[in-house]
N, C-alpha and C. Protein backbone atom coordinates (compact mmCIF):
# COMPACT_ATOMS: atom_id res chain seq x y z
N MET A 1 95.68 103.86 75.03
CA MET A 1 96.10 104.79 75.89
C MET A 1 97.65 104.88 75.89
N ILE A 2 98.01 105.97 76.02
CA ILE A 2 99.51 106.08 76.12
C ILE A 2 100.01 106.36 77.68
N ILE A 3 100.89 105.56 78.05
CA ILE A 3 101.62 105.58 79.38
C ILE A 3 103.10 105.86 79.02
N ALA A 4 103.73 106.72 80.07
CA ALA A 4 105.11 106.97 79.95
C ALA A 4 105.45 107.34 81.35
N ASN A 5 106.72 107.73 81.51
CA ASN A 5 107.31 108.28 82.81
C ASN A 5 107.92 109.69 82.37
N THR A 6 107.59 110.64 83.26
CA THR A 6 108.27 112.07 83.00
C THR A 6 109.79 111.99 83.20
N LEU A 7 110.50 112.56 82.36
CA LEU A 7 111.91 112.49 82.24
C LEU A 7 112.45 113.20 83.50
N ALA A 8 111.80 114.27 83.99
CA ALA A 8 112.33 114.87 85.25
C ALA A 8 112.37 114.28 86.51
N ASP A 9 111.22 113.43 86.84
CA ASP A 9 111.16 112.72 87.99
C ASP A 9 110.85 111.39 88.01
N GLY A 10 110.43 110.86 86.71
CA GLY A 10 110.13 109.41 86.81
C GLY A 10 108.77 109.02 86.95
N PHE A 11 107.92 110.06 87.30
CA PHE A 11 106.53 109.56 87.73
C PHE A 11 105.92 109.11 86.43
N VAL A 12 104.84 108.28 86.58
CA VAL A 12 103.95 107.64 85.62
C VAL A 12 102.98 108.85 85.24
N VAL A 13 102.91 108.82 83.82
CA VAL A 13 101.81 109.79 83.39
C VAL A 13 101.26 109.17 81.99
N PHE A 14 100.09 109.80 81.76
CA PHE A 14 99.21 109.46 80.59
C PHE A 14 98.94 110.60 79.59
N LEU A 15 98.92 110.40 78.39
CA LEU A 15 98.72 111.36 77.21
C LEU A 15 97.24 111.82 77.26
N THR A 16 97.05 113.18 77.32
CA THR A 16 95.54 113.65 77.54
C THR A 16 95.12 114.01 76.10
N ALA A 17 93.84 114.12 75.82
CA ALA A 17 93.45 114.56 74.68
C ALA A 17 93.86 115.86 74.02
N ASP A 18 94.33 116.69 74.93
CA ASP A 18 94.83 117.92 74.26
C ASP A 18 96.53 117.74 74.20
N ASN A 19 96.96 116.41 74.20
CA ASN A 19 98.36 116.39 73.99
C ASN A 19 99.34 116.74 75.15
N GLY A 20 98.67 116.99 76.19
CA GLY A 20 99.46 117.09 77.53
C GLY A 20 99.69 115.87 78.24
N TRP A 21 100.02 116.05 79.48
CA TRP A 21 100.51 114.93 80.50
C TRP A 21 99.74 114.97 81.69
N THR A 22 99.14 113.95 82.18
CA THR A 22 98.44 113.84 83.41
C THR A 22 98.85 112.66 84.17
N HIS A 23 98.93 112.77 85.72
CA HIS A 23 99.14 111.65 86.46
C HIS A 23 98.11 110.74 86.72
N ASP A 24 96.77 111.35 86.36
CA ASP A 24 95.55 110.57 86.70
C ASP A 24 95.17 110.07 85.51
N ILE A 25 95.04 108.67 85.36
CA ILE A 25 94.48 107.83 84.44
C ILE A 25 93.20 108.17 83.88
N ALA A 26 92.42 108.65 84.95
CA ALA A 26 90.90 109.14 84.37
C ALA A 26 91.11 110.29 83.52
N ASP A 27 92.10 111.19 83.53
CA ASP A 27 92.32 112.18 82.41
C ASP A 27 92.98 111.99 81.25
N GLY A 28 93.41 110.68 81.03
CA GLY A 28 94.19 110.26 79.82
C GLY A 28 93.20 110.07 78.72
N ALA A 29 93.73 110.20 77.64
CA ALA A 29 92.85 110.02 76.38
C ALA A 29 92.92 108.38 75.93
N VAL A 30 91.81 107.90 75.65
CA VAL A 30 91.60 106.64 75.23
C VAL A 30 91.27 106.56 73.71
N ALA A 31 92.21 106.00 72.91
CA ALA A 31 92.06 106.01 71.49
C ALA A 31 90.94 104.97 71.25
N GLU A 32 90.01 105.44 70.23
CA GLU A 32 88.99 104.82 69.81
C GLU A 32 89.05 103.83 68.47
N THR A 33 90.22 104.36 67.87
CA THR A 33 90.59 103.69 66.62
C THR A 33 92.03 103.45 66.39
N ASP A 34 92.35 102.38 65.64
CA ASP A 34 93.76 102.09 65.40
C ASP A 34 94.51 103.49 65.01
N ALA A 35 93.98 104.33 64.02
CA ALA A 35 94.53 105.24 63.52
C ALA A 35 94.73 106.29 64.67
N ALA A 36 93.71 106.51 65.48
CA ALA A 36 94.03 107.48 66.60
C ALA A 36 95.12 107.06 67.63
N ALA A 37 95.02 105.72 67.76
CA ALA A 37 96.14 105.33 68.55
C ALA A 37 97.61 105.52 67.89
N ASP A 38 97.67 105.39 66.59
CA ASP A 38 98.89 105.61 66.18
C ASP A 38 99.30 107.12 66.17
N ALA A 39 98.18 107.90 66.01
CA ALA A 39 98.60 109.46 66.06
C ALA A 39 99.08 109.78 67.40
N MET A 40 98.38 109.14 68.48
CA MET A 40 98.64 109.52 69.66
C MET A 40 100.13 108.93 70.15
N LEU A 41 100.35 107.74 69.70
CA LEU A 41 101.80 107.17 69.87
C LEU A 41 102.87 108.22 69.20
N LEU A 42 102.58 108.68 67.98
CA LEU A 42 103.50 109.63 67.30
C LEU A 42 103.71 110.92 68.19
N THR A 43 102.52 111.35 68.75
CA THR A 43 102.75 112.61 69.47
C THR A 43 103.63 112.19 70.70
N ALA A 44 103.38 111.11 71.35
CA ALA A 44 104.22 110.80 72.63
C ALA A 44 105.68 110.58 72.18
N LYS A 45 105.96 110.05 71.21
CA LYS A 45 107.34 109.75 70.64
C LYS A 45 108.02 111.12 70.41
N GLN A 46 107.25 112.24 69.88
CA GLN A 46 107.93 113.44 69.77
C GLN A 46 108.11 114.13 71.23
N ALA A 47 107.18 113.86 72.26
CA ALA A 47 107.52 114.48 73.69
C ALA A 47 108.67 113.73 74.10
N GLU A 48 108.92 112.32 73.68
CA GLU A 48 110.33 111.70 74.03
C GLU A 48 111.49 112.43 73.44
N ARG A 49 111.28 112.68 72.19
CA ARG A 49 112.40 113.38 71.57
C ARG A 49 112.87 114.87 72.10
N ASP A 50 111.58 115.39 72.57
CA ASP A 50 111.72 116.66 73.29
C ASP A 50 112.19 116.62 74.82
N CYS A 51 112.33 115.44 75.24
CA CYS A 51 112.99 115.21 76.63
C CYS A 51 111.99 115.54 77.72
N VAL A 52 110.78 115.32 77.32
CA VAL A 52 109.47 115.59 78.30
C VAL A 52 109.23 114.28 79.06
N VAL A 53 109.19 113.05 78.39
CA VAL A 53 108.80 111.89 78.70
C VAL A 53 109.78 110.82 78.27
N ILE A 54 109.79 109.57 78.99
CA ILE A 54 110.77 108.51 78.38
C ILE A 54 109.80 107.38 78.35
N ASP A 55 110.21 106.57 77.32
CA ASP A 55 109.41 105.19 77.11
C ASP A 55 108.01 105.30 77.06
N PRO A 56 107.47 106.18 76.12
CA PRO A 56 105.94 106.19 75.99
C PRO A 56 105.57 104.82 75.26
N ASN A 57 104.37 104.27 75.77
CA ASN A 57 103.87 102.95 75.26
C ASN A 57 102.33 103.05 75.10
N LEU A 58 101.95 102.54 74.01
CA LEU A 58 100.34 102.20 74.00
C LEU A 58 100.02 101.16 74.62
N ILE A 59 99.11 101.22 75.47
CA ILE A 59 98.52 100.17 76.44
C ILE A 59 97.09 99.74 76.20
N PRO A 60 96.68 98.57 76.12
CA PRO A 60 95.18 98.35 76.15
C PRO A 60 94.68 98.60 77.41
N VAL A 61 93.37 99.27 77.41
CA VAL A 61 92.66 99.46 78.58
C VAL A 61 91.13 99.19 78.23
N GLU A 62 90.49 98.92 79.44
CA GLU A 62 89.08 98.70 79.37
C GLU A 62 88.54 99.73 80.34
N ILE A 63 87.12 100.31 79.95
CA ILE A 63 86.44 101.10 80.82
C ILE A 63 85.61 100.38 81.96
N VAL A 64 86.09 100.64 83.23
CA VAL A 64 85.54 100.07 84.22
C VAL A 64 84.96 101.13 85.22
N ASP A 65 83.52 101.12 85.40
CA ASP A 65 82.89 102.15 86.18
C ASP A 65 83.31 103.66 85.53
N GLY A 66 83.27 103.87 84.33
CA GLY A 66 83.47 105.04 83.73
C GLY A 66 84.96 105.59 83.66
N ARG A 67 86.09 104.58 84.29
CA ARG A 67 87.20 104.96 84.26
C ARG A 67 88.25 103.95 83.51
N PRO A 68 89.02 104.39 82.89
CA PRO A 68 90.04 103.33 82.16
C PRO A 68 90.92 102.71 83.07
N GLN A 69 91.19 101.34 82.79
CA GLN A 69 91.88 100.50 83.58
C GLN A 69 92.77 99.63 82.63
N PRO A 70 94.11 99.61 82.80
CA PRO A 70 94.82 98.77 82.05
C PRO A 70 94.56 97.58 82.09
N THR A 71 94.47 96.55 81.09
CA THR A 71 94.15 95.22 81.13
C THR A 71 95.43 94.38 81.28
N GLU A 72 96.60 94.90 81.35
CA GLU A 72 97.81 94.18 81.66
C GLU A 72 98.21 94.38 83.04
N TYR A 73 98.51 93.36 83.81
CA TYR A 73 98.96 93.60 85.26
C TYR A 73 100.03 94.54 85.34
N ARG A 74 101.08 94.55 84.70
CA ARG A 74 102.18 95.37 84.83
C ARG A 74 101.71 96.95 84.71
N GLU A 75 101.07 97.16 83.77
CA GLU A 75 100.55 98.54 83.54
C GLU A 75 99.52 98.93 84.54
N TYR A 76 98.62 97.98 85.06
CA TYR A 76 97.83 98.28 86.22
C TYR A 76 98.45 98.79 87.38
N ILE A 77 99.58 98.00 87.75
CA ILE A 77 100.46 98.37 88.89
C ILE A 77 101.05 99.83 88.60
N ARG A 78 101.65 100.03 87.42
CA ARG A 78 102.12 101.36 87.19
C ARG A 78 101.13 102.42 87.40
N ALA A 79 99.88 102.24 86.88
CA ALA A 79 98.79 103.32 86.88
C ALA A 79 98.23 103.46 88.27
N ASN A 80 98.21 102.44 89.14
CA ASN A 80 97.39 102.43 90.34
C ASN A 80 98.36 102.19 91.65
N GLY A 81 99.58 101.86 91.50
CA GLY A 81 100.48 101.71 92.57
C GLY A 81 100.67 100.32 92.88
N PRO A 82 101.55 100.19 93.93
CA PRO A 82 101.83 98.85 94.38
C PRO A 82 100.59 97.87 94.71
N SER A 83 100.72 96.52 94.55
CA SER A 83 99.65 95.68 94.71
C SER A 83 99.63 95.01 96.11
N VAL A 84 100.65 95.48 96.87
CA VAL A 84 100.70 95.16 98.29
C VAL A 84 100.90 96.33 99.11
N PRO A 85 100.54 96.36 100.35
CA PRO A 85 100.67 97.41 101.30
C PRO A 85 102.28 97.77 101.52
N THR A 86 102.61 99.03 101.42
CA THR A 86 103.88 99.35 101.57
C THR A 86 104.07 99.82 103.01
N PRO A 87 105.21 99.50 103.65
CA PRO A 87 105.46 99.98 104.93
C PRO A 87 105.40 101.57 105.17
N SER A 88 105.09 101.91 106.47
CA SER A 88 105.01 103.29 106.50
C SER A 88 106.34 103.97 107.16
């Protein structure tokens, strides 16, 4: 799965199967092979050159209850928000 931030506002986004971007991890594409992951990263790097996103990265995920979840804690926080309650 590819994670990045939009250049315009800095929000976290995920590359979709149709090479678009979504804020919802459930709508992001999950690469099934190394070749697919490489192709997705090339697409994301082109979006970075086109000034759509910044810092696209391939992240490992596992499917939990039918939804991709990052396996690295940093990426889990980026995808799901803070790990502690935020003040109102």
